[in-house]
C-alpha atoms as a PDB file:
ATOM      1  CA  MET A   1     152.621  14.144  44.350  1.00  0.00           C
ATOM      2  CA  LYS A   2     149.535  14.206  47.207  1.00  0.00           C
ATOM      3  CA  GLN A   3     146.857  16.397  45.978  1.00  0.00           C
ATOM      4  CA  PRO A   4     145.839  18.247  48.569  1.00  0.00           C
ATOM      5  CA  LYS A   5     142.091  17.743  50.336  1.00  0.00           C
ATOM      6  CA  THR A   6     139.272  19.633  49.493  1.00  0.00           C
ATOM      7  CA  LYS A   7     135.984  19.974  52.276  1.00  0.00           C
ATOM      8  CA  ASN A   8     132.835  18.443  51.073  1.00  0.00           C
ATOM      9  CA  ARG A   9     130.885  21.629  50.842  1.00  0.00           C
ATOM     10  CA  LYS A  10     127.333  19.100  51.636  1.00  0.00           C
ATOM     11  CA  SER A  11     128.763  17.750  54.675  1.00  0.00           C
ATOM     12  CA  GLU A  12     129.189  21.151  56.116  1.00  0.00           C
ATOM     13  CA  ILE A  13     126.698  21.613  58.662  1.00  0.00           C
ATOM     14  CA  SER A  14     124.514  25.067  58.534  1.00  0.00           C
ATOM     15  CA  PHE A  15     123.972  26.133  62.265  1.00  0.00           C
ATOM     16  CA  GLY A  16     122.088  29.273  61.282  1.00  0.00           C
ATOM     17  CA  PHE A  17     117.862  30.593  61.310  1.00  0.00           C
ATOM     18  CA  THR A  18     115.566  29.759  59.106  1.00  0.00           C
ATOM     19  CA  LEU A  19     113.010  32.257  58.416  1.00  0.00           C
ATOM     20  CA  MET A  20     110.192  30.050  60.669  1.00  0.00           C
ATOM     21  CA  GLU A  21     112.607  29.285  62.918  1.00  0.00           C
ATOM     22  CA  MET A  22     112.799  33.453  63.518  1.00  0.00           C
ATOM     23  CA  LEU A  23     109.747  33.562  63.721  1.00  0.00           C
ATOM     24  CA  ILE A  24     108.337  31.304  65.991  1.00  0.00           C
ATOM     25  CA  VAL A  25     111.269  32.435  68.292  1.00  0.00           C
ATOM     26  CA  ILE A  26     109.790  36.107  67.671  1.00  0.00           C
ATOM     27  CA  SER A  27     106.401  34.814  68.709  1.00  0.00           C
ATOM     28  CA  ILE A  28     106.952  33.044  71.248  1.00  0.00           C
ATOM     29  CA  ILE A  29     109.020  35.784  73.002  1.00  0.00           C
ATOM     30  CA  SER A  30     105.705  38.053  72.196  1.00  0.00           C
ATOM     31  CA  ILE A  31     103.762  35.379  73.792  1.00  0.00           C
ATOM     32  CA  LEU A  32     105.805  35.579  76.942  1.00  0.00           C
ATOM     33  CA  LEU A  33     106.126  39.513  76.884  1.00  0.00           C
ATOM     34  CA  SER A  34     102.048  39.961  77.196  1.00  0.00           C
ATOM     35  CA  LEU A  35     102.046  37.510  79.892  1.00  0.00           C
ATOM     36  CA  LEU A  36     104.944  39.294  81.694  1.00  0.00           C
ATOM     37  CA  TYR A  37     103.518  42.700  80.826  1.00  0.00           C
ATOM     38  CA  GLY A  38      99.617  41.431  82.054  1.00  0.00           C
ATOM     39  CA  ALA A  39     101.340  40.028  85.205  1.00  0.00           C
ATOM     40  CA  LEU A  40     102.602  43.963  86.188  1.00  0.00           C
ATOM     41  CA  GLU A  41      99.339  45.513  85.092  1.00  0.00           C
ATOM     42  CA  ARG A  42      97.672  43.795  87.867  1.00  0.00           C
ATOM     43  CA  ALA A  43     100.444  43.936  90.442  1.00  0.00           C
ATOM     44  CA  GLN A  44     100.497  47.866  89.684  1.00  0.00           C
ATOM     45  CA  LYS A  45      96.434  48.311  89.980  1.00  0.00           C
ATOM     46  CA  PHE A  46      96.772  45.781  93.255  1.00  0.00           C
ATOM     47  CA  SER A  47      99.146  48.208  94.817  1.00  0.00           C
ATOM     48  CA  ARG A  48      97.279  51.346  93.605  1.00  0.00           C
ATOM     49  CA  ARG A  49      94.368  49.838  95.078  1.00  0.00           C
ATOM     50  CA  ALA A  50      95.718  49.348  98.205  1.00  0.00           C
ATOM     51  CA  MET A  51      97.537  52.481  98.855  1.00  0.00           C
ATOM     52  CA  THR A  52      93.764  53.993  98.128  1.00  0.00           C
ATOM     53  CA  TYR A  53      92.943  51.468 100.859  1.00  0.00           C
ATOM     54  CA  THR A  54      95.475  52.523 103.364  1.00  0.00           C
ATOM     55  CA  GLU A  55      93.872  56.549 102.805  1.00  0.00           C
ATOM     56  CA  LEU A  56      90.142  55.830 102.851  1.00  0.00           C
ATOM     57  CA  LYS A  57      91.170  54.128 106.240  1.00  0.00           C
ATOM     58  CA  ASN A  58      93.410  57.532 107.472  1.00  0.00           C
ATOM     59  CA  ILE A  59      91.243  59.618 106.415  1.00  0.00           C
ATOM     60  CA  GLN A  60      87.909  57.909 108.479  1.00  0.00           C
ATOM     61  CA  SER A  61      90.691  57.942 111.717  1.00  0.00           C
ATOM     62  CA  ALA A  62      90.782  61.413 111.662  1.00  0.00           C
ATOM     63  CA  PHE A  63      87.128  62.644 111.313  1.00  0.00           C
ATOM     64  CA  LYS A  64      87.028  60.054 114.367  1.00  0.00           C
ATOM     65  CA  GLN A  65      89.534  61.663 115.997  1.00  0.00           C
ATOM     66  CA  TYR A  66      87.922  65.049 114.633  1.00  0.00           C
ATOM     67  CA  PHE A  67      84.899  63.869 117.109  1.00  0.00           C
ATOM     68  CA  SER A  68      86.450  63.095 119.505  1.00  0.00           C
ATOM     69  CA  HIS A  69      88.129  66.144 119.840  1.00  0.00           C
ATOM     70  CA  TYR A  70      85.168  68.655 118.749  1.00  0.00           C
ATOM     71  CA  SER A  71      82.346  66.279 119.971  1.00  0.00           C
ATOM     72  CA  VAL A  72      81.000  66.927 116.872  1.00  0.00           C
ATOM     73  CA  TRP A  73      81.254  66.669 113.284  1.00  0.00           C
ATOM     74  CA  PRO A  74      82.958  69.328 110.510  1.00  0.00           C
ATOM     75  CA  ASP A  75      80.416  71.904 109.784  1.00  0.00           C
ATOM     76  CA  THR A  76      79.401  71.768 106.372  1.00  0.00           C
ATOM     77  CA  THR A  77      77.530  75.178 105.682  1.00  0.00           C
ATOM     78  CA  HIS A  78      81.089  76.244 105.597  1.00  0.00           C
ATOM     79  CA  VAL A  79      82.329  73.456 102.772  1.00  0.00           C
ATOM     80  CA  THR A  80      82.212  75.237  99.594  1.00  0.00           C
ATOM     81  CA  ALA A  81      79.075  74.566  98.008  1.00  0.00           C
ATOM     82  CA  SER A  82      79.961  72.293  95.205  1.00  0.00           C
ATOM     83  CA  MET A  83      81.666  70.311  97.393  1.00  0.00           C
ATOM     84  CA  ARG A  84      78.871  69.574  99.426  1.00  0.00           C
ATOM     85  CA  LEU A  85      77.068  65.740  99.936  1.00  0.00           C
ATOM     86  CA  THR A  86      73.806  64.615 100.938  1.00  0.00           C
ATOM     87  CA  SER A  87      72.182  61.712 101.060  1.00  0.00           C
ATOM     88  CA  ASP A  88      68.682  60.883 103.074  1.00  0.00           C
ATOM     89  CA  GLU A  89      69.049  63.519 106.813  1.00  0.00           C
ATOM     90  CA  ASP A  90      73.187  62.882 105.859  1.00  0.00           C
ATOM     91  CA  VAL A  91      75.770  65.399 105.316  1.00  0.00           C
ATOM     92  CA  GLY A  92      79.245  65.251 104.402  1.00  0.00           C
ATOM     93  CA  PHE A  93      81.589  66.768 101.415  1.00  0.00           C
ATOM     94  CA  ILE A  94      83.718  66.548  98.482  1.00  0.00           C
ATOM     95  CA  ILE A  95      87.281  67.040  99.936  1.00  0.00           C
ATOM     96  CA  ASP A  96      88.992  69.888  98.479  1.00  0.00           C
ATOM     97  CA  GLY A  97      92.238  71.328  98.467  1.00  0.00           C
ATOM     98  CA  SER A  98      90.760  73.925 100.814  1.00  0.00           C
ATOM     99  CA  MET A  99      89.837  71.296 103.219  1.00  0.00           C
ATOM    100  CA  ALA A 100      93.046  69.577 102.520  1.00  0.00           C
ATOM    101  CA  ARG A 101      94.674  72.197 104.344  1.00  0.00           C
ATOM    102  CA  ILE A 102      92.347  73.336 106.931  1.00  0.00           C
ATOM    103  CA  LEU A 103      92.442  68.739 107.574  1.00  0.00           C
ATOM    104  CA  GLN A 104      96.288  69.767 107.833  1.00  0.00           C
ATOM    105  CA  GLY A 105      96.428  71.972 110.716  1.00  0.00           C
ATOM    106  CA  VAL A 106      97.701  74.878 108.161  1.00  0.00           C
ATOM    107  CA  ARG A 107      96.151  78.221 108.900  1.00  0.00           C
ATOM    108  CA  ASP A 108      96.301  80.710 105.566  1.00  0.00           C
ATOM    109  CA  GLY A 109      94.962  84.048 104.495  1.00  0.00           C
ATOM    110  CA  SER A 110      92.828  82.153 102.051  1.00  0.00           C
ATOM    111  CA  ASN A 111      90.935  79.668 104.764  1.00  0.00           C
ATOM    112  CA  ALA A 112      90.782  81.798 107.814  1.00  0.00           C
ATOM    113  CA  ALA A 113      86.836  82.188 107.874  1.00  0.00           C
ATOM    114  CA  GLN A 114      86.888  77.923 107.289  1.00  0.00           C
ATOM    115  CA  MET A 115      89.434  76.785 109.534  1.00  0.00           C
ATOM    116  CA  ASP A 116      87.635  79.618 112.225  1.00  0.00           C
ATOM    117  CA  GLN A 117      84.224  77.285 111.910  1.00  0.00           C
ATOM    118  CA  ILE A 118      86.291  73.681 110.956  1.00  0.00           C
ATOM    119  CA  ASN A 119      89.212  73.212 113.022  1.00  0.00           C
ATOM    120  CA  PRO A 120      90.376  76.584 115.011  1.00  0.00           C
ATOM    121  CA  ALA A 121      92.362  74.193 116.921  1.00  0.00           C
ATOM    122  CA  CYS A 122      94.393  73.578 114.244  1.00  0.00           C
ATOM    123  CA  ILE A 123      94.788  70.436 114.658  1.00  0.00           C
ATOM    124  CA  PRO A 124      97.080  68.471 111.773  1.00  0.00           C
ATOM    125  CA  LEU A 125      94.520  65.575 111.690  1.00  0.00           C
ATOM    126  CA  LEU A 126      96.361  63.682 108.510  1.00  0.00           C
ATOM    127  CA  GLU A 127      98.951  64.274 105.428  1.00  0.00           C
ATOM    128  CA  PHE A 128      97.727  63.804 102.145  1.00  0.00           C
ATOM    129  CA  ALA A 129     100.414  61.907  99.537  1.00  0.00           C
ATOM    130  CA  ARG A 130      98.723  63.216  96.314  1.00  0.00           C
ATOM    131  CA  TYR A 131      96.933  66.307  94.429  1.00  0.00           C
ATOM    132  CA  SER A 132      95.549  66.438  91.216  1.00  0.00           C
ATOM    133  CA  ARG A 133      97.528  69.106  89.313  1.00  0.00           C
ATOM    134  CA  GLU A 134      94.106  69.981  87.372  1.00  0.00           C
ATOM    135  CA  SER A 135      91.423  70.440  90.982  1.00  0.00           C
ATOM    136  CA  ARG A 136      93.888  70.396  93.420  1.00  0.00           C
ATOM    137  CA  HIS A 137      92.187  68.063  95.695  1.00  0.00           C
ATOM    138  CA  PRO A 138      93.877  65.122  97.663  1.00  0.00           C
ATOM    139  CA  VAL A 139      93.512  62.332  95.083  1.00  0.00           C
ATOM    140  CA  ASN A 140      93.717  58.634  95.052  1.00  0.00           C
ATOM    141  CA  PRO A 141      96.896  56.834  93.062  1.00  0.00           C
ATOM    142  CA  PHE A 142      94.481  55.863  89.895  1.00  0.00           C
ATOM    143  CA  LYS A 143      94.597  59.434  89.342  1.00  0.00           C
ATOM    144  CA  SER A 144      91.879  61.203  86.239  1.00  0.00           C
ATOM    145  CA  LEU A 145      93.682  61.326  82.642  1.00  0.00           C
ATOM    146  CA  ASN A 146      90.675  64.137  82.224  1.00  0.00           C
ATOM    147  CA  ALA A 147      92.578  67.786  82.541  1.00  0.00           C
ATOM    148  CA  ILE A 148      88.816  70.097  83.271  1.00  0.00           C
ATOM    149  CA  ALA A 149      89.531  71.198  86.343  1.00  0.00           C
ATOM    150  CA  ALA A 150      86.465  71.053  88.017  1.00  0.00           C
ATOM    151  CA  ASP A 151      86.886  67.652  87.609  1.00  0.00           C
ATOM    152  CA  THR A 152      86.513  64.935  91.155  1.00  0.00           C
ATOM    153  CA  THR A 153      86.188  61.131  89.704  1.00  0.00           C
ATOM    154  CA  ARG A 154      89.334  60.778  91.791  1.00  0.00           C
ATOM    155  CA  SER A 155      88.855  63.169  94.808  1.00  0.00           C
ATOM    156  CA  TYR A 156      87.891  62.025  98.712  1.00  0.00           C
ATOM    157  CA  ARG A 157      84.305  62.115  99.222  1.00  0.00           C
ATOM    158  CA  VAL A 158      82.936  61.546 103.459  1.00  0.00           C
ATOM    159  CA  LEU A 159      79.219  61.615 104.443  1.00  0.00           C
ATOM    160  CA  PHE A 160      78.616  61.585 108.298  1.00  0.00           C
ATOM    161  CA  ASP A 161      76.183  59.891 110.379  1.00  0.00           C
ATOM    162  CA  THR A 162      74.393  63.473 111.439  1.00  0.00           C
ATOM    163  CA  ASN A 163      70.916  62.336 111.750  1.00  0.00           C
ATOM    164  CA  GLY A 164      72.043  59.678 114.026  1.00  0.00           C
ATOM    165  CA  ASP A 165      69.788  56.494 112.926  1.00  0.00           C
ATOM    166  CA  GLY A 166      73.682  54.886 112.982  1.00  0.00           C
ATOM    167  CA  GLN A 167      73.876  54.642 108.909  1.00  0.00           C
ATOM    168  CA  ILE A 168      74.630  55.950 105.789  1.00  0.00           C
ATOM    169  CA  THR A 169      73.183  55.464 102.165  1.00  0.00           C
ATOM    170  CA  ILE A 170      76.039  55.319 100.077  1.00  0.00           C
ATOM    171  CA  PRO A 171      76.255  56.920  97.438  1.00  0.00           C
ATOM    172  CA  GLY A 172      73.698  59.269  98.126  1.00  0.00           C
ATOM    173  CA  SER A 173      73.744  62.493  95.586  1.00  0.00           C
ATOM    174  CA  ASP A 174      77.359  61.611  94.339  1.00  0.00           C
ATOM    175  CA  ALA A 175      76.526  62.122  91.475  1.00  0.00           C
ATOM    176  CA  ASP A 176      80.258  60.601  89.569  1.00  0.00           C
ATOM    177  CA  ALA A 177      78.481  57.124  91.506  1.00  0.00           C
ATOM    178  CA  VAL A 178      75.112  58.033  89.224  1.00  0.00           C
ATOM    179  CA  ALA A 179      76.590  57.910  86.714  1.00  0.00           C
ATOM    180  CA  ALA A 180      78.702  55.327  86.532  1.00  0.00           C
ATOM    181  CA  GLY A 181      75.104  53.469  87.620  1.00  0.00           C
ATOM    182  CA  ILE A 182      76.286  52.030  90.848  1.00  0.00           C
ATOM    183  CA  GLN A 183      73.212  51.144  93.127  1.00  0.00           C
ATOM    184  CA  GLN A 184      72.528  52.817  96.702  1.00  0.00           C
ATOM    185  CA  THR A 185      74.438  50.604  99.495  1.00  0.00           C
ATOM    186  CA  ASN A 186      73.733  51.646 103.342  1.00  0.00           C
ATOM    187  CA  ILE A 187      76.456  51.806 105.858  1.00  0.00           C
ATOM    188  CA  ILE A 188      76.534  50.796 109.509  1.00  0.00           C
ATOM    189  CA  THR A 189      78.840  53.714 110.220  1.00  0.00           C
ATOM    190  CA  SER A 190      79.369  56.732 111.504  1.00  0.00           C
ATOM    191  CA  VAL A 191      81.694  57.755 109.388  1.00  0.00           C
ATOM    192  CA  ALA A 192      82.293  56.600 105.606  1.00  0.00           C
ATOM    193  CA  VAL A 193      84.531  57.577 103.174  1.00  0.00           C
ATOM    194  CA  TRP A 194      84.866  56.874  99.488  1.00  0.00           C
ATOM    195  CA  THR A 195      86.074  57.515  95.897  1.00  0.00           C
ATOM    196  CA  MET A 196      86.222  55.857  92.374  1.00  0.00           C
ATOM    197  CA  ILE A 197      88.914  53.451  91.098  1.00  0.00           C
ATOM    198  CA  PRO A 198      88.627  51.049  87.928  1.00  0.00           C
ATOM    199  CA  ALA A 199      87.054  48.552  87.855  1.00  0.00           C
ATOM    200  CA  THR A 200      88.945  44.655  86.991  1.00  0.00           C
ATOM    201  CA  ARG A 201      89.021  44.507  83.970  1.00  0.00           C
ATOM    202  CA  THR A 202      86.795  41.521  82.537  1.00  0.00           C
ATOM    203  CA  SER A 203      86.544  39.873  79.211  1.00  0.00           C
ATOM    204  CA  SER A 204      83.142  38.962  77.623  1.00  0.00           C
ATOM    205  CA  ALA A 205      82.262  35.045  76.747  1.00  0.00           C
ATOM    206  CA  GLU A 206      83.343  35.787  73.422  1.00  0.00           C
ATOM    207  CA  GLY A 207      86.839  36.569  75.143  1.00  0.00           C
ATOM    208  CA  ALA A 208      86.525  40.767  73.818  1.00  0.00           C
ATOM    209  CA  PRO A 209      87.484  42.869  76.206  1.00  0.00           C
ATOM    210  CA  LEU A 210      84.567  44.783  77.807  1.00  0.00           C
ATOM    211  CA  VAL A 211      84.627  48.763  78.932  1.00  0.00           C
ATOM    212  CA  VAL A 212      86.518  48.915  82.472  1.00  0.00           C
ATOM    213  CA  THR A 213      83.401  51.431  84.426  1.00  0.00           C
ATOM    214  CA  ASP A 214      84.337  53.021  87.845  1.00  0.00           C
ATOM    215  CA  VAL A 215      83.725  51.168  90.670  1.00  0.00           C
ATOM    216  CA  ILE A 216      83.376  52.655  94.493  1.00  0.00           C
ATOM    217  CA  LEU A 217      85.986  51.520  96.755  1.00  0.00           C
ATOM    218  CA  GLY A 218      84.726  52.457 100.740  1.00  0.00           C
ATOM    219  CA  SER A 219      86.236  52.032 103.942  1.00  0.00           C
ATOM    220  CA  TRP A 220      83.494  50.296 104.994  1.00  0.00           C
ATOM    221  CA  ASP A 221      85.130  47.359 102.149  1.00  0.00           C
ATOM    222  CA  SER A 222      86.833  44.174 103.196  1.00  0.00           C
ATOM    223  CA  PHE A 223      90.510  45.055 101.611  1.00  0.00           C
ATOM    224  CA  THR A 224      90.688  41.207 100.834  1.00  0.00           C
ATOM    225  CA  ALA A 225      86.481  40.843  99.382  1.00  0.00           C
ATOM    226  CA  ARG A 226      88.551  43.441  96.155  1.00  0.00           C
END
């Protein structure tokens, strides 16, 4: 009588992962995910920068339309004192919530006096896409995480060539730019609009990540150069 054949367990092939193989696979996946995250972060920052640059150009165009209609730049004596900007003999302001409504042609009880002096025809010059939850100022897509109501880091700023010399000095008396150590720059233009955005992340020679500080993005910049 034939005996039933038994399997030789030594000849069986195991298809399971060893611990070392599993660690290698996890390491490869982690590297791929880090590369993907870096690419997504760069794409997101590029998209926000593009939107910010477009908004700067739109604001600049709106003020040029303002000058075309009224033949003067906005009277900054009717702007909130804390929002006024000066540079040499040129003047301007940080665009706050009240000024945003005026530029959008919105007249209400709180801004009637300013509207009569700055935009009496209630011309809707432009629309703002986003506002700070704390300060209610129009802000760029790189909204500051600072919850201080008076923070204007991501607000829009504008200076007009009110002295007629054909140039504007940036940032002038802009406290945020001075605090960031940004040097003044002379711009040949009649109206300049800018805001603060995070700088591109860089590393030291040893490969350690450097602290990312704010830089100016202005309507006079070439977007491809950034």
